[in-house]
Amino acid sequence: MSEEKKPLNKIISEKKGSKKYKVYVKDKSTGNIKTIRFGDSSMKNNRNKTANRKSFMARHKAILSKVTGQKNLSRSYWAVKSWQLGTKIS
């Protein structure tokens, strides 16, 4: 897939490998498109359960607060985005 046709900032299910999702993000400092892979492929995503979502957000927002630089290059940023209600995953 060429760089022009990659869907930027959209969460996509990963077809192979050990990660569940991937997202293409443009690095502001270099201008390159990077692939961020996140999520354990062997674990189920229970984002529709309120208690699970609350616990997940509490754990990962603490990690995300320590990220310096461009936040959307972090796996934690995209993990939190994927657990928010209303987020489309293709």
C-alpha atoms as a PDB file:
ATOM      1  CA  MET A   1       0.000   0.000   0.000  1.00  0.00           C
ATOM      2  CA  SER A   2       1.547   3.311  -1.020  1.00  0.00           C
ATOM      3  CA  GLU A   3       1.848   6.171   1.436  1.00  0.00           C
ATOM      4  CA  GLU A   4      -0.788   8.267  -0.357  1.00  0.00           C
ATOM      5  CA  LYS A   5      -3.489   5.596  -0.030  1.00  0.00           C
ATOM      6  CA  LYS A   6      -2.999   4.741   3.640  1.00  0.00           C
ATOM      7  CA  PRO A   7      -5.959   5.874   5.779  1.00  0.00           C
ATOM      8  CA  LEU A   8      -4.390   8.196   8.343  1.00  0.00           C
ATOM      9  CA  ASN A   9      -5.599   8.153  11.957  1.00  0.00           C
ATOM     10  CA  LYS A  10      -8.152   5.371  11.416  1.00  0.00           C
ATOM     11  CA  ILE A  11      -8.020   2.223  13.547  1.00  0.00           C
ATOM     12  CA  ILE A  12      -7.823  -0.916  11.406  1.00  0.00           C
ATOM     13  CA  SER A  13      -7.981  -4.560  12.499  1.00  0.00           C
ATOM     14  CA  GLU A  14      -4.610  -6.254  12.010  1.00  0.00           C
ATOM     15  CA  LYS A  15      -4.839  -9.405   9.907  1.00  0.00           C
ATOM     16  CA  LYS A  16      -1.512 -10.969  10.922  1.00  0.00           C
ATOM     17  CA  GLY A  17       0.994 -10.770  13.730  1.00  0.00           C
ATOM     18  CA  SER A  18       0.635 -10.566  17.480  1.00  0.00           C
ATOM     19  CA  LYS A  19      -1.207  -7.233  17.624  1.00  0.00           C
ATOM     20  CA  LYS A  20      -4.968  -6.722  17.282  1.00  0.00           C
ATOM     21  CA  TYR A  21      -5.119  -3.276  15.656  1.00  0.00           C
ATOM     22  CA  LYS A  22      -2.979  -0.877  13.652  1.00  0.00           C
ATOM     23  CA  VAL A  23      -3.192   2.769  12.662  1.00  0.00           C
ATOM     24  CA  TYR A  24      -1.194   4.889  10.218  1.00  0.00           C
ATOM     25  CA  VAL A  25       0.020   8.190  11.690  1.00  0.00           C
ATOM     26  CA  LYS A  26       2.016  11.004  10.111  1.00  0.00           C
ATOM     27  CA  ASP A  27       5.048  11.959  12.184  1.00  0.00           C
ATOM     28  CA  LYS A  28       5.133  15.769  12.376  1.00  0.00           C
ATOM     29  CA  SER A  29       8.887  15.975  12.929  1.00  0.00           C
ATOM     30  CA  THR A  30       9.953  13.879   9.909  1.00  0.00           C
ATOM     31  CA  GLY A  31       6.857  13.927   7.702  1.00  0.00           C
ATOM     32  CA  ASN A  32       6.956  10.121   7.386  1.00  0.00           C
ATOM     33  CA  ILE A  33       3.930   7.881   7.844  1.00  0.00           C
ATOM     34  CA  LYS A  34       4.422   5.408  10.698  1.00  0.00           C
ATOM     35  CA  THR A  35       2.440   2.289  11.517  1.00  0.00           C
ATOM     36  CA  ILE A  36       1.422   1.989  15.169  1.00  0.00           C
ATOM     37  CA  ARG A  37       0.375  -1.532  16.218  1.00  0.00           C
ATOM     38  CA  PHE A  38      -1.370  -2.086  19.545  1.00  0.00           C
ATOM     39  CA  GLY A  39      -3.655  -4.461  21.430  1.00  0.00           C
ATOM     40  CA  ASP A  40      -3.111  -8.107  22.308  1.00  0.00           C
ATOM     41  CA  SER A  41      -4.620 -10.348  19.619  1.00  0.00           C
ATOM     42  CA  SER A  42      -5.355 -13.101  22.139  1.00  0.00           C
ATOM     43  CA  MET A  43      -7.472 -10.858  24.406  1.00  0.00           C
ATOM     44  CA  LYS A  44     -11.112  -9.889  23.969  1.00  0.00           C
ATOM     45  CA  ASN A  45     -12.092  -6.210  23.927  1.00  0.00           C
ATOM     46  CA  ASN A  46     -14.907  -5.614  26.466  1.00  0.00           C
ATOM     47  CA  ARG A  47     -15.300  -1.885  25.851  1.00  0.00           C
ATOM     48  CA  ASN A  48     -19.110  -2.081  26.015  1.00  0.00           C
ATOM     49  CA  LYS A  49     -19.037  -3.033  29.706  1.00  0.00           C
ATOM     50  CA  THR A  50     -18.919   0.099  31.830  1.00  0.00           C
ATOM     51  CA  ALA A  51     -16.802  -1.335  34.651  1.00  0.00           C
ATOM     52  CA  ASN A  52     -14.222  -2.768  32.234  1.00  0.00           C
ATOM     53  CA  ARG A  53     -13.991   0.493  30.286  1.00  0.00           C
ATOM     54  CA  LYS A  54     -13.584   2.545  33.485  1.00  0.00           C
ATOM     55  CA  SER A  55     -10.792   0.287  34.746  1.00  0.00           C
ATOM     56  CA  PHE A  56      -8.995   0.266  31.387  1.00  0.00           C
ATOM     57  CA  MET A  57      -9.150   4.059  31.079  1.00  0.00           C
ATOM     58  CA  ALA A  58      -7.810   4.525  34.613  1.00  0.00           C
ATOM     59  CA  ARG A  59      -4.795   2.306  33.860  1.00  0.00           C
ATOM     60  CA  HIS A  60      -3.937   3.691  30.449  1.00  0.00           C
ATOM     61  CA  LYS A  61      -4.555   7.399  30.977  1.00  0.00           C
ATOM     62  CA  ALA A  62      -1.884   7.325  33.696  1.00  0.00           C
ATOM     63  CA  ILE A  63       0.548   5.845  31.157  1.00  0.00           C
ATOM     64  CA  LEU A  64      -0.527   8.315  28.474  1.00  0.00           C
ATOM     65  CA  SER A  65       0.102  11.288  30.753  1.00  0.00           C
ATOM     66  CA  LYS A  66       3.810  10.348  30.871  1.00  0.00           C
ATOM     67  CA  VAL A  67       4.210  10.377  27.075  1.00  0.00           C
ATOM     68  CA  THR A  68       6.302  13.263  25.790  1.00  0.00           C
ATOM     69  CA  GLY A  69       6.225  14.628  22.269  1.00  0.00           C
ATOM     70  CA  GLN A  70       3.591  13.737  19.713  1.00  0.00           C
ATOM     71  CA  LYS A  71       0.921  11.819  21.654  1.00  0.00           C
ATOM     72  CA  ASN A  72      -0.637  10.068  18.658  1.00  0.00           C
ATOM     73  CA  LEU A  73       2.612   8.161  18.036  1.00  0.00           C
ATOM     74  CA  SER A  74       2.000   6.332  21.328  1.00  0.00           C
ATOM     75  CA  ARG A  75       0.336   2.914  21.557  1.00  0.00           C
ATOM     76  CA  SER A  76      -1.444   4.029  24.724  1.00  0.00           C
ATOM     77  CA  TYR A  77      -3.076   6.940  22.886  1.00  0.00           C
ATOM     78  CA  TRP A  78      -4.632   4.604  20.315  1.00  0.00           C
ATOM     79  CA  ALA A  79      -5.569   1.996  22.926  1.00  0.00           C
ATOM     80  CA  VAL A  80      -7.548   4.645  24.830  1.00  0.00           C
ATOM     81  CA  LYS A  81      -9.139   5.849  21.565  1.00  0.00           C
ATOM     82  CA  SER A  82     -10.198   2.286  20.663  1.00  0.00           C
ATOM     83  CA  TRP A  83     -11.938   1.837  24.034  1.00  0.00           C
ATOM     84  CA  GLN A  84     -13.952   5.056  23.773  1.00  0.00           C
ATOM     85  CA  LEU A  85     -17.569   4.459  22.863  1.00  0.00           C
ATOM     86  CA  GLY A  86     -18.469   5.452  19.332  1.00  0.00           C
ATOM     87  CA  THR A  87     -15.015   4.779  17.883  1.00  0.00           C
ATOM     88  CA  LYS A  88     -15.247   2.960  14.556  1.00  0.00           C
ATOM     89  CA  ILE A  89     -12.785   0.155  13.934  1.00  0.00           C
ATOM     90  CA  SER A  90     -12.539  -1.153  10.411  1.00  0.00           C
END
